[in-house]
Amino acid sequence: MSDTPSAGGRAPAPDSPARAGDLLVRIGAIVFLVGAVATLATVAPLFLGLRPLPSIAYAVCMLMGVGFVIAAAGVLRSIAQERRQARSLT
């Protein structure tokens, strides 16, 4: 049996530890995608001449912005961690 990961999964490199903001970036991407799908679902009836969706559907569209902010916080957290590591090396 080989030590390579299966075709469907990726194993992290042994010398690269998980950065602090990786989880936030992944969560932000998922929340953003949910908001993007909700946006498509609420805009489509307007172009197709159908009845508009209820107001709550438009509120779910705001998840795009929330996801973007979560992902940006993860990126900033990763940057801060890398800066701390760089300072500790000097």
N, C-alpha and C. Protein backbone atom coordinates (compact mmCIF):
# COMPACT_ATOMS: atom_id res chain seq x y z
N MET A 1 0.86 -1.17 0.00
CA MET A 1 0.00 0.00 0.00
C MET A 1 0.90 1.23 0.00
N SER A 2 0.57 2.24 -0.78
CA SER A 2 1.39 3.44 -0.87
C SER A 2 1.00 4.46 0.19
N ASP A 3 1.89 5.41 0.43
CA ASP A 3 1.64 6.45 1.43
C ASP A 3 0.96 7.67 0.85
N THR A 4 0.59 7.65 -0.41
CA THR A 4 -0.05 8.80 -1.03
C THR A 4 -1.51 8.83 -0.66
N PRO A 5 -2.08 10.04 -0.52
CA PRO A 5 -3.50 10.14 -0.17
C PRO A 5 -4.36 9.70 -1.34
N SER A 6 -5.59 9.38 -1.05
CA SER A 6 -6.52 8.98 -2.10
C SER A 6 -6.78 10.14 -3.04
N ALA A 7 -7.34 9.84 -4.18
CA ALA A 7 -7.57 10.86 -5.20
C ALA A 7 -8.53 11.94 -4.71
N GLY A 8 -9.43 11.61 -3.80
CA GLY A 8 -10.42 12.57 -3.34
C GLY A 8 -9.94 13.48 -2.23
N GLY A 9 -8.88 13.12 -1.54
CA GLY A 9 -8.45 13.93 -0.41
C GLY A 9 -7.01 14.39 -0.55
N ARG A 10 -6.71 15.46 0.15
CA ARG A 10 -5.33 15.96 0.15
C ARG A 10 -4.82 15.92 1.58
N ALA A 11 -3.63 15.40 1.73
CA ALA A 11 -3.01 15.40 3.04
C ALA A 11 -2.10 16.62 3.15
N PRO A 12 -2.09 17.29 4.30
CA PRO A 12 -1.20 18.45 4.44
C PRO A 12 0.25 18.01 4.43
N ALA A 13 1.10 18.85 3.91
CA ALA A 13 2.52 18.56 3.89
C ALA A 13 3.02 18.49 5.34
N PRO A 14 3.94 17.56 5.64
CA PRO A 14 4.36 17.40 7.02
C PRO A 14 5.06 18.62 7.59
N ASP A 15 5.69 19.44 6.75
CA ASP A 15 6.42 20.59 7.27
C ASP A 15 5.61 21.88 7.25
N SER A 16 4.35 21.85 6.82
CA SER A 16 3.54 23.07 6.80
C SER A 16 2.40 22.94 7.81
N PRO A 17 2.52 23.60 8.97
CA PRO A 17 1.45 23.53 9.95
C PRO A 17 0.24 24.34 9.48
N ALA A 18 -0.92 23.99 9.98
CA ALA A 18 -2.13 24.72 9.62
C ALA A 18 -2.03 26.14 10.18
N ARG A 19 -2.35 27.10 9.35
CA ARG A 19 -2.28 28.49 9.80
C ARG A 19 -3.51 28.82 10.63
N ALA A 20 -3.39 29.88 11.40
CA ALA A 20 -4.43 30.24 12.36
C ALA A 20 -5.76 30.56 11.69
N GLY A 21 -5.76 31.21 10.53
CA GLY A 21 -7.00 31.66 9.92
C GLY A 21 -7.58 30.73 8.88
N ASP A 22 -6.99 29.56 8.67
CA ASP A 22 -7.48 28.66 7.62
C ASP A 22 -8.93 28.25 7.83
N LEU A 23 -9.29 27.94 9.05
CA LEU A 23 -10.67 27.52 9.32
C LEU A 23 -11.65 28.66 9.07
N LEU A 24 -11.27 29.87 9.45
CA LEU A 24 -12.15 31.02 9.21
C LEU A 24 -12.33 31.26 7.71
N VAL A 25 -11.29 31.08 6.94
CA VAL A 25 -11.40 31.28 5.50
C VAL A 25 -12.34 30.24 4.89
N ARG A 26 -12.22 29.00 5.33
CA ARG A 26 -13.11 27.95 4.81
C ARG A 26 -14.56 28.20 5.19
N ILE A 27 -14.79 28.58 6.45
CA ILE A 27 -16.16 28.87 6.89
C ILE A 27 -16.72 30.06 6.12
N GLY A 28 -15.88 31.09 5.95
CA GLY A 28 -16.31 32.27 5.20
C GLY A 28 -16.68 31.94 3.77
N ALA A 29 -15.91 31.04 3.15
CA ALA A 29 -16.21 30.65 1.77
C ALA A 29 -17.54 29.92 1.69
N ILE A 30 -17.81 29.06 2.65
CA ILE A 30 -19.09 28.33 2.65
C ILE A 30 -20.26 29.28 2.86
N VAL A 31 -20.12 30.20 3.81
CA VAL A 31 -21.19 31.16 4.08
C VAL A 31 -21.40 32.05 2.85
N PHE A 32 -20.31 32.46 2.20
CA PHE A 32 -20.42 33.28 0.99
C PHE A 32 -21.17 32.52 -0.10
N LEU A 33 -20.85 31.24 -0.29
CA LEU A 33 -21.52 30.45 -1.33
C LEU A 33 -23.01 30.29 -1.04
N VAL A 34 -23.36 30.12 0.23
CA VAL A 34 -24.79 30.03 0.58
C VAL A 34 -25.49 31.34 0.22
N GLY A 35 -24.85 32.45 0.52
CA GLY A 35 -25.43 33.75 0.16
C GLY A 35 -25.51 33.95 -1.33
N ALA A 36 -24.51 33.46 -2.07
CA ALA A 36 -24.52 33.59 -3.53
C ALA A 36 -25.67 32.78 -4.14
N VAL A 37 -25.88 31.58 -3.65
CA VAL A 37 -26.99 30.76 -4.14
C VAL A 37 -28.32 31.43 -3.81
N ALA A 38 -28.44 31.99 -2.61
CA ALA A 38 -29.66 32.69 -2.23
C ALA A 38 -29.89 33.91 -3.13
N THR A 39 -28.81 34.59 -3.49
CA THR A 39 -28.94 35.75 -4.38
C THR A 39 -29.46 35.32 -5.74
N LEU A 40 -28.89 34.25 -6.27
CA LEU A 40 -29.37 33.75 -7.56
C LEU A 40 -30.83 33.32 -7.48
N ALA A 41 -31.20 32.69 -6.37
CA ALA A 41 -32.58 32.24 -6.21
C ALA A 41 -33.56 33.39 -6.07
N THR A 42 -33.14 34.50 -5.49
CA THR A 42 -34.06 35.63 -5.33
C THR A 42 -34.12 36.53 -6.54
N VAL A 43 -33.05 36.57 -7.33
CA VAL A 43 -33.04 37.43 -8.51
C VAL A 43 -33.69 36.73 -9.70
N ALA A 44 -33.58 35.41 -9.78
CA ALA A 44 -34.12 34.67 -10.92
C ALA A 44 -35.61 34.93 -11.15
N PRO A 45 -36.47 34.90 -10.12
CA PRO A 45 -37.89 35.16 -10.39
C PRO A 45 -38.16 36.55 -10.96
N LEU A 46 -37.31 37.51 -10.63
CA LEU A 46 -37.52 38.86 -11.16
C LEU A 46 -37.29 38.91 -12.67
N PHE A 47 -36.33 38.11 -13.14
CA PHE A 47 -36.05 38.07 -14.58
C PHE A 47 -36.99 37.13 -15.33
N LEU A 48 -37.53 36.15 -14.64
CA LEU A 48 -38.39 35.17 -15.28
C LEU A 48 -39.87 35.54 -15.21
N GLY A 49 -40.18 36.68 -14.60
CA GLY A 49 -41.57 37.12 -14.53
C GLY A 49 -42.40 36.37 -13.51
N LEU A 50 -41.78 35.72 -12.55
CA LEU A 50 -42.50 34.99 -11.53
C LEU A 50 -42.70 35.87 -10.30
N ARG A 51 -43.46 35.36 -9.34
CA ARG A 51 -43.67 36.10 -8.10
C ARG A 51 -42.37 36.19 -7.33
N PRO A 52 -42.05 37.36 -6.76
CA PRO A 52 -40.83 37.48 -5.95
C PRO A 52 -40.91 36.62 -4.70
N LEU A 53 -39.76 36.21 -4.21
CA LEU A 53 -39.69 35.40 -3.00
C LEU A 53 -39.97 36.28 -1.78
N PRO A 54 -40.27 35.66 -0.63
CA PRO A 54 -40.52 36.44 0.59
C PRO A 54 -39.29 37.22 1.04
N SER A 55 -39.50 38.17 1.91
CA SER A 55 -38.42 39.04 2.38
C SER A 55 -37.28 38.28 3.05
N ILE A 56 -37.58 37.18 3.70
CA ILE A 56 -36.54 36.42 4.39
C ILE A 56 -35.50 35.91 3.38
N ALA A 57 -35.91 35.62 2.17
CA ALA A 57 -34.97 35.16 1.15
C ALA A 57 -33.97 36.27 0.82
N TYR A 58 -34.43 37.50 0.81
CA TYR A 58 -33.51 38.62 0.56
C TYR A 58 -32.56 38.82 1.74
N ALA A 59 -33.03 38.51 2.94
CA ALA A 59 -32.16 38.62 4.11
C ALA A 59 -31.05 37.57 4.06
N VAL A 60 -31.35 36.39 3.54
CA VAL A 60 -30.34 35.33 3.42
C VAL A 60 -29.25 35.75 2.43
N CYS A 61 -29.60 36.61 1.48
CA CYS A 61 -28.59 37.10 0.52
C CYS A 61 -27.47 37.87 1.23
N MET A 62 -27.76 38.42 2.38
CA MET A 62 -26.75 39.17 3.12
C MET A 62 -25.61 38.28 3.60
N LEU A 63 -25.80 36.97 3.52
CA LEU A 63 -24.74 36.06 3.93
C LEU A 63 -23.51 36.18 3.02
N MET A 64 -23.69 36.70 1.82
CA MET A 64 -22.53 36.91 0.96
C MET A 64 -21.55 37.87 1.64
N GLY A 65 -22.06 38.96 2.12
CA GLY A 65 -21.21 39.94 2.80
C GLY A 65 -20.64 39.41 4.10
N VAL A 66 -21.45 38.67 4.84
CA VAL A 66 -20.99 38.09 6.10
C VAL A 66 -19.87 37.09 5.84
N GLY A 67 -20.02 36.26 4.82
CA GLY A 67 -18.99 35.30 4.47
C GLY A 67 -17.70 35.97 4.05
N PHE A 68 -17.83 37.06 3.31
CA PHE A 68 -16.64 37.80 2.89
C PHE A 68 -15.90 38.36 4.10
N VAL A 69 -16.63 38.89 5.06
CA VAL A 69 -16.01 39.44 6.27
C VAL A 69 -15.34 38.34 7.09
N ILE A 70 -15.98 37.19 7.20
CA ILE A 70 -15.39 36.07 7.95
C ILE A 70 -14.09 35.61 7.28
N ALA A 71 -14.12 35.47 5.95
CA ALA A 71 -12.92 35.05 5.23
C ALA A 71 -11.82 36.09 5.35
N ALA A 72 -12.17 37.36 5.27
CA ALA A 72 -11.17 38.42 5.42
C ALA A 72 -10.56 38.39 6.81
N ALA A 73 -11.36 38.11 7.83
CA ALA A 73 -10.82 38.00 9.19
C ALA A 73 -9.84 36.84 9.28
N GLY A 74 -10.13 35.73 8.59
CA GLY A 74 -9.21 34.61 8.58
C GLY A 74 -7.90 34.94 7.91
N VAL A 75 -7.97 35.69 6.81
CA VAL A 75 -6.75 36.11 6.11
C VAL A 75 -5.93 37.03 7.01
N LEU A 76 -6.58 37.97 7.65
CA LEU A 76 -5.86 38.88 8.55
C LEU A 76 -5.26 38.14 9.74
N ARG A 77 -5.96 37.14 10.22
CA ARG A 77 -5.41 36.35 11.33
C ARG A 77 -4.17 35.57 10.89
N SER A 78 -4.20 35.02 9.68
CA SER A 78 -3.04 34.31 9.16
C SER A 78 -1.85 35.26 8.97
N ILE A 79 -2.14 36.46 8.48
CA ILE A 79 -1.07 37.45 8.30
C ILE A 79 -0.45 37.81 9.64
N ALA A 80 -1.30 38.01 10.64
CA ALA A 80 -0.78 38.37 11.97
C ALA A 80 0.09 37.25 12.54
N GLN A 81 -0.32 36.01 12.34
CA GLN A 81 0.46 34.89 12.84
C GLN A 81 1.82 34.83 12.14
N GLU A 82 1.82 35.02 10.82
CA GLU A 82 3.08 34.98 10.08
C GLU A 82 4.01 36.12 10.50
N ARG A 83 3.44 37.28 10.78
CA ARG A 83 4.28 38.40 11.23
C ARG A 83 4.89 38.11 12.60
N ARG A 84 4.08 37.50 13.48
CA ARG A 84 4.62 37.13 14.80
C ARG A 84 5.75 36.12 14.67
N GLN A 85 5.59 35.15 13.78
CA GLN A 85 6.63 34.15 13.57
C GLN A 85 7.88 34.79 12.99
N ALA A 86 7.71 35.71 12.06
CA ALA A 86 8.87 36.39 11.46
C ALA A 86 9.62 37.21 12.51
N ARG A 87 8.88 37.87 13.38
CA ARG A 87 9.52 38.67 14.43
C ARG A 87 10.27 37.79 15.43
N SER A 88 9.73 36.60 15.70
CA SER A 88 10.39 35.73 16.67
C SER A 88 11.66 35.12 16.10
N LEU A 89 11.78 35.05 14.78
CA LEU A 89 12.98 34.50 14.16
C LEU A 89 14.13 35.51 14.13
N THR A 90 13.80 36.78 14.18
CA THR A 90 14.87 37.79 14.11
C THR A 90 15.37 38.18 15.47
